[in-house]
Amino acid sequence: MTSDDRFDCVPAIQIGNLTYHNWKKSDRGALNFVQALTESCDTWFYQAGIKTGAEPIIDWALKLGFGAKCGIPLRGEAEGRVPNDEYMKATHGRRLLNGDIANLSIGQGDTQVTPLQMAQAVGIVANGGTFYQTRLVQQVQTFDNKIVTAYSVRAKKELGLSSGTLDELHTGMIDVVNGAGGTAHQASLDNVEVAGKTGTAQWGPKNKERTAAWFTGYLPADQPRFAFAALYEGDVGSTVHGGSTAAPMIADIFKEIYKGQQTNGHKKRPAREETEVRRAEPVEEEDESD
């Protein structure tokens, strides 16, 4: 796959004996990756995934931390699932088929992820490809500012994402929020540029089907400080979407964080606070498994 590859963003395609739909009912014509990401064209990614095959998709999903616990000290943390042939044979009695790859390409089917895994993966993209150990806290201190415990920033591995791939992702995610055909305009802020990606997934039996509205990304787009993931679980029968439900949740949060940063209507990167914070020496800790 290259950045110049184009696939038709059609309303639906036939894969095997099933019809797989796009969320839009109109034919959007031939799109490249950035355009498809911006418009969240399902049928584009079905075709791209089948051309690529399951193995590279699974490989990169695992590299980005999906299918494994993030390593935070919460007993109930789930590891999620990236379905492969072994899982499919044990669960469904068959290997991955093209229909499964189509679902895998848009994060549906048997795929399971947590919001923290999503934010972690987007953070890797935002920082240029370094996988840092995810933490809940940087340090623990008492009310009188006595530092009890501190943790170091620890890089687990470099993923080797190419500059071309990062540029394509960066451009597409900015356009999702700020571009003409983007799906997350409701996450746009006046004073800082947001990069993101929407998602809408269904789960449960047909008579009790529910919808999960996702929005994940980072900001400021040109020099990221925050990575985020928002998930809204709709009630049975309700209609929710990533762009109209989850994206505004993120906008509300960061409007407060960046309040007062607007200057003459232009987006301005907030200055980093220079307040000195007392630090303890990082504690020795065991290396979490990848």
Protein backbone atom coordinates (compact mmCIF):
# COMPACT_ATOMS: atom_id res chain seq x y z
CA MET A 1 0.00 0.00 0.00
CA THR A 2 1.18 3.52 -0.82
CA SER A 3 -0.23 6.98 -0.19
CA ASP A 4 -1.22 7.15 -3.86
CA ASP A 5 -3.39 4.01 -3.79
CA ARG A 6 -7.03 4.83 -4.40
CA PHE A 7 -10.20 2.83 -3.80
CA ASP A 8 -13.79 3.69 -4.60
CA CYS A 9 -15.76 4.92 -1.59
CA VAL A 10 -19.01 3.22 -2.55
CA PRO A 11 -22.14 2.80 -0.39
CA ALA A 12 -21.63 -0.97 -0.11
CA ILE A 13 -19.52 -3.86 -1.41
CA GLN A 14 -20.12 -7.59 -1.67
CA ILE A 15 -17.64 -9.78 0.20
CA GLY A 16 -18.39 -13.47 -0.10
CA ASN A 17 -22.13 -13.89 0.39
CA LEU A 18 -22.51 -10.79 2.58
CA THR A 19 -22.93 -7.09 1.83
CA TYR A 20 -20.72 -4.68 3.82
CA HIS A 21 -21.95 -1.10 4.02
CA ASN A 22 -20.43 2.34 4.35
CA TRP A 23 -22.04 4.75 6.80
CA LYS A 24 -22.69 7.17 3.92
CA LYS A 25 -25.32 6.23 1.35
CA SER A 26 -23.73 8.15 -1.55
CA ASP A 27 -20.82 7.20 -3.81
CA ARG A 28 -17.86 9.39 -2.90
CA GLY A 29 -15.70 8.29 -5.84
CA ALA A 30 -12.05 7.21 -5.74
CA LEU A 31 -10.24 8.39 -2.60
CA ASN A 32 -6.69 8.21 -1.30
CA PHE A 33 -5.82 7.35 2.31
CA VAL A 34 -6.02 10.88 3.72
CA GLN A 35 -9.39 11.49 2.09
CA ALA A 36 -10.75 8.13 3.26
CA LEU A 37 -9.57 8.74 6.82
CA THR A 38 -11.05 12.24 6.79
CA GLU A 39 -14.46 11.01 5.64
CA SER A 40 -14.26 7.74 7.62
CA CYS A 41 -15.12 5.69 4.54
CA ASP A 42 -15.75 2.11 5.68
CA THR A 43 -15.81 0.57 2.21
CA TRP A 44 -12.41 2.13 1.38
CA PHE A 45 -10.84 0.42 4.38
CA TYR A 46 -12.57 -2.90 3.60
CA GLN A 47 -10.84 -2.92 0.23
CA ALA A 48 -7.50 -1.68 1.58
CA GLY A 49 -7.54 -4.29 4.34
CA ILE A 50 -8.28 -7.18 1.99
CA LYS A 51 -5.50 -6.03 -0.35
CA THR A 52 -3.05 -5.75 2.55
CA GLY A 53 -4.09 -8.99 4.23
CA ALA A 54 -4.66 -9.73 7.90
CA GLU A 55 -1.04 -10.28 8.97
CA PRO A 56 0.26 -6.68 8.65
CA ILE A 57 -2.88 -5.30 10.30
CA ILE A 58 -2.57 -7.68 13.24
CA ASP A 59 1.18 -7.07 13.50
CA TRP A 60 0.81 -3.30 13.73
CA ALA A 61 -2.16 -3.53 16.08
CA LEU A 62 -0.02 -5.57 18.49
CA LYS A 63 2.93 -3.18 18.10
CA LEU A 64 0.67 -0.29 19.06
CA GLY A 65 -0.34 -2.06 22.27
CA PHE A 66 -3.70 -3.57 21.37
CA GLY A 67 -4.41 -7.07 22.67
CA ALA A 68 -2.28 -6.52 25.80
CA LYS A 69 -2.80 -4.80 29.14
CA CYS A 70 -1.29 -1.34 29.44
CA GLY A 71 0.31 -2.29 32.75
CA ILE A 72 -1.43 0.17 35.05
CA PRO A 73 -2.04 -1.02 38.66
CA LEU A 74 -5.73 -1.84 38.24
CA ARG A 75 -6.74 -5.44 38.81
CA GLY A 76 -9.69 -5.22 36.44
CA GLU A 77 -7.78 -3.95 33.39
CA ALA A 78 -8.76 -5.88 30.26
CA GLU A 79 -6.30 -6.89 27.57
CA GLY A 80 -8.77 -6.58 24.71
CA ARG A 81 -8.57 -8.77 21.61
CA VAL A 82 -6.93 -8.67 18.20
CA PRO A 83 -8.43 -11.71 16.43
CA ASN A 84 -6.06 -13.95 14.48
CA ASP A 85 -6.37 -17.36 12.81
CA GLU A 86 -5.81 -19.22 16.08
CA TYR A 87 -8.57 -17.30 17.82
CA MET A 88 -10.97 -17.70 14.89
CA LYS A 89 -10.38 -21.45 14.67
CA ALA A 90 -10.92 -21.89 18.42
CA THR A 91 -14.01 -19.65 18.50
CA HIS A 92 -15.66 -20.01 15.09
CA GLY A 93 -14.06 -23.15 13.71
CA ARG A 94 -12.40 -21.41 10.75
CA ARG A 95 -9.53 -19.11 9.87
CA LEU A 96 -9.85 -15.40 9.14
CA LEU A 97 -11.81 -14.82 5.92
CA ASN A 98 -12.05 -11.67 3.82
CA GLY A 99 -15.19 -10.59 5.65
CA ASP A 100 -13.32 -10.85 8.95
CA ILE A 101 -10.44 -8.84 7.50
CA ALA A 102 -12.93 -6.17 6.39
CA ASN A 103 -14.23 -5.94 9.96
CA LEU A 104 -10.69 -5.94 11.35
CA SER A 105 -9.81 -3.05 9.04
CA ILE A 106 -12.31 -0.76 10.77
CA GLY A 107 -11.88 -2.17 14.27
CA GLN A 108 -15.09 -4.18 14.39
CA GLY A 109 -16.06 -7.85 14.28
CA ASP A 110 -14.29 -9.76 17.07
CA THR A 111 -11.91 -6.89 17.82
CA GLN A 112 -12.03 -5.53 21.37
CA VAL A 113 -10.11 -2.51 22.68
CA THR A 114 -10.19 -0.34 25.79
CA PRO A 115 -10.26 3.48 25.79
CA LEU A 116 -6.86 3.49 27.49
CA GLN A 117 -5.37 1.29 24.75
CA MET A 118 -6.78 3.68 22.17
CA ALA A 119 -5.33 6.75 23.87
CA GLN A 120 -2.01 4.93 24.29
CA ALA A 121 -1.85 4.06 20.57
CA VAL A 122 -2.74 7.58 19.49
CA GLY A 123 -0.08 8.91 21.84
CA ILE A 124 2.49 6.81 20.00
CA VAL A 125 1.40 8.33 16.69
CA ALA A 126 1.42 11.83 18.19
CA ASN A 127 4.97 11.59 19.54
CA GLY A 128 6.43 10.13 16.35
CA GLY A 129 6.55 6.42 17.17
CA THR A 130 7.88 5.93 20.71
CA PHE A 131 5.95 3.51 22.93
CA TYR A 132 6.13 4.86 26.50
CA GLN A 133 5.03 2.98 29.58
CA THR A 134 1.51 4.16 30.39
CA ARG A 135 1.02 5.39 33.96
CA LEU A 136 -1.83 6.65 36.12
CA VAL A 137 0.36 9.03 38.13
CA GLN A 138 3.81 10.59 37.80
CA GLN A 139 4.41 10.97 41.51
CA VAL A 140 2.66 10.70 44.87
CA GLN A 141 2.98 13.42 47.50
CA THR A 142 1.35 14.48 50.75
CA PHE A 143 -0.71 17.61 51.33
CA ASP A 144 2.37 19.36 52.68
CA ASN A 145 4.24 18.57 49.42
CA LYS A 146 6.38 15.79 50.81
CA ILE A 147 7.06 13.47 47.88
CA VAL A 148 6.44 9.83 48.75
CA THR A 149 7.02 8.07 45.42
CA ALA A 150 7.92 9.12 41.87
CA TYR A 151 8.11 7.28 38.57
CA SER A 152 10.37 7.94 35.63
CA VAL A 153 9.26 8.37 32.03
CA ARG A 154 10.24 5.07 30.43
CA ALA A 155 10.35 4.35 26.70
CA LYS A 156 9.54 0.68 26.09
CA LYS A 157 10.39 0.57 22.39
CA GLU A 158 10.60 2.50 19.14
CA LEU A 159 8.13 1.32 16.51
CA GLY A 160 10.01 2.66 13.49
CA LEU A 161 7.05 4.44 11.91
CA SER A 162 8.20 6.10 8.71
CA SER A 163 7.99 9.87 8.34
CA GLY A 164 5.72 9.38 5.32
CA THR A 165 3.26 7.26 7.31
CA LEU A 166 3.27 9.74 10.19
CA ASP A 167 2.67 12.65 7.81
CA GLU A 168 -0.29 10.89 6.22
CA LEU A 169 -1.84 10.06 9.61
CA HIS A 170 -1.19 13.56 10.91
CA THR A 171 -2.76 15.24 7.86
CA GLY A 172 -5.77 12.92 7.85
CA MET A 173 -6.47 13.32 11.56
CA ILE A 174 -6.26 17.11 11.35
CA ASP A 175 -8.69 17.05 8.42
CA VAL A 176 -11.10 14.81 10.36
CA VAL A 177 -11.62 17.73 12.75
CA ASN A 178 -10.88 20.75 10.57
CA GLY A 179 -11.31 19.65 6.94
CA ALA A 180 -14.37 20.21 4.77
CA GLY A 181 -15.37 16.53 4.70
CA GLY A 182 -14.30 15.67 8.25
CA THR A 183 -16.51 13.76 10.66
CA ALA A 184 -15.47 15.54 13.89
CA HIS A 185 -16.17 19.22 13.30
CA GLN A 186 -17.83 19.36 16.72
CA ALA A 187 -14.40 18.79 18.31
CA SER A 188 -12.90 21.85 16.63
CA LEU A 189 -11.60 24.57 18.97
CA ASP A 190 -11.04 28.24 18.18
CA ASN A 191 -7.67 28.53 19.87
CA VAL A 192 -5.91 25.19 19.34
CA GLU A 193 -5.86 22.69 16.47
CA VAL A 194 -7.17 19.23 17.29
CA ALA A 195 -6.26 16.02 15.39
CA GLY A 196 -8.56 13.04 15.80
CA LYS A 197 -10.55 10.12 14.45
CA THR A 198 -14.18 9.22 15.02
CA GLY A 199 -15.62 5.72 15.31
CA THR A 200 -19.04 4.16 15.73
CA ALA A 201 -19.43 0.48 16.60
CA GLN A 202 -22.39 -1.77 17.31
CA TRP A 203 -22.56 -4.68 19.73
CA GLY A 204 -25.08 -7.03 21.31
CA PRO A 205 -27.94 -9.13 19.88
CA LYS A 206 -30.07 -7.49 17.19
CA ASN A 207 -33.06 -6.99 19.49
CA LYS A 208 -30.87 -5.34 22.13
CA GLU A 209 -28.18 -3.78 19.94
CA ARG A 210 -26.27 -0.86 21.40
CA THR A 211 -23.90 1.62 19.80
CA ALA A 212 -20.51 2.83 21.03
CA ALA A 213 -19.48 6.32 19.92
CA TRP A 214 -15.70 6.89 19.86
CA PHE A 215 -13.44 9.85 19.40
CA THR A 216 -9.67 9.65 19.85
CA GLY A 217 -6.80 11.95 18.99
CA TYR A 218 -4.29 14.48 20.26
CA LEU A 219 -3.60 18.20 20.57
CA PRO A 220 -2.17 20.66 19.81
CA ALA A 221 -1.79 19.06 16.43
CA ASP A 222 1.55 20.75 15.67
CA GLN A 223 3.16 20.00 19.05
CA PRO A 224 1.07 17.42 20.95
CA ARG A 225 0.75 17.64 24.71
CA PHE A 226 -2.41 15.58 25.23
CA ALA A 227 -3.61 12.27 23.78
CA PHE A 228 -7.21 11.29 24.47
CA ALA A 229 -9.96 8.76 23.85
CA ALA A 230 -13.65 9.29 24.59
CA LEU A 231 -16.21 6.49 24.53
CA TYR A 232 -19.95 6.96 24.91
CA GLU A 233 -22.08 3.82 25.21
CA GLY A 234 -25.56 4.46 23.88
CA ASP A 235 -28.67 2.85 25.33
CA VAL A 236 -30.58 0.16 23.47
CA GLY A 237 -32.37 1.77 20.52
CA SER A 238 -30.57 5.10 20.78
CA THR A 239 -28.64 6.61 17.88
CA VAL A 240 -25.18 7.89 18.76
CA HIS A 241 -22.14 8.58 16.59
CA GLY A 242 -18.51 9.38 17.25
CA GLY A 243 -18.67 12.76 15.54
CA SER A 244 -21.90 13.97 17.12
CA THR A 245 -21.65 12.39 20.58
CA ALA A 246 -18.05 11.65 21.59
CA ALA A 247 -16.30 14.52 19.79
CA PRO A 248 -18.26 17.25 21.65
CA MET A 249 -17.29 15.61 24.96
CA ILE A 250 -13.63 16.15 24.13
CA ALA A 251 -14.32 19.71 22.95
CA ASP A 252 -15.98 20.57 26.28
CA ILE A 253 -12.99 19.30 28.25
CA PHE A 254 -10.33 21.11 26.27
CA LYS A 255 -12.31 24.33 26.03
CA GLU A 256 -11.82 24.54 29.79
CA ILE A 257 -8.14 23.60 29.63
CA TYR A 258 -7.40 26.17 26.92
CA LYS A 259 -9.75 28.84 28.21
CA GLY A 260 -8.30 32.31 27.76
CA GLN A 261 -5.75 31.28 25.14
CA GLN A 262 -7.58 32.87 22.21
CA THR A 263 -5.86 35.89 20.62
CA ASN A 264 -7.59 37.90 17.88
CA GLY A 265 -9.51 34.83 16.78
CA HIS A 266 -6.37 32.91 15.79
CA LYS A 267 -5.21 29.61 17.18
CA LYS A 268 -2.33 30.09 19.56
CA ARG A 269 -0.31 27.36 21.21
CA PRO A 270 -0.44 27.77 24.99
CA ALA A 271 2.87 28.47 26.70
CA ARG A 272 4.17 25.74 28.94
CA GLU A 273 4.03 26.55 32.62
CA GLU A 274 7.45 27.16 34.10
CA THR A 275 6.44 26.50 37.71
CA GLU A 276 9.12 24.40 39.34
CA VAL A 277 7.85 21.12 40.74
CA ARG A 278 9.84 19.20 43.30
CA ARG A 279 10.75 15.71 42.06
CA ALA A 280 11.85 12.62 43.88
CA GLU A 281 14.32 10.11 42.53
CA PRO A 282 12.37 7.54 40.49
CA VAL A 283 11.67 4.27 42.28
CA GLU A 284 13.11 1.02 41.02
CA GLU A 285 10.44 -1.03 39.30
CA GLU A 286 10.12 -4.29 37.44
CA ASP A 287 10.00 -4.12 33.66
CA GLU A 288 6.41 -4.74 32.51
CA SER A 289 5.98 -7.24 29.74
CA ASP A 290 5.27 -5.92 26.26
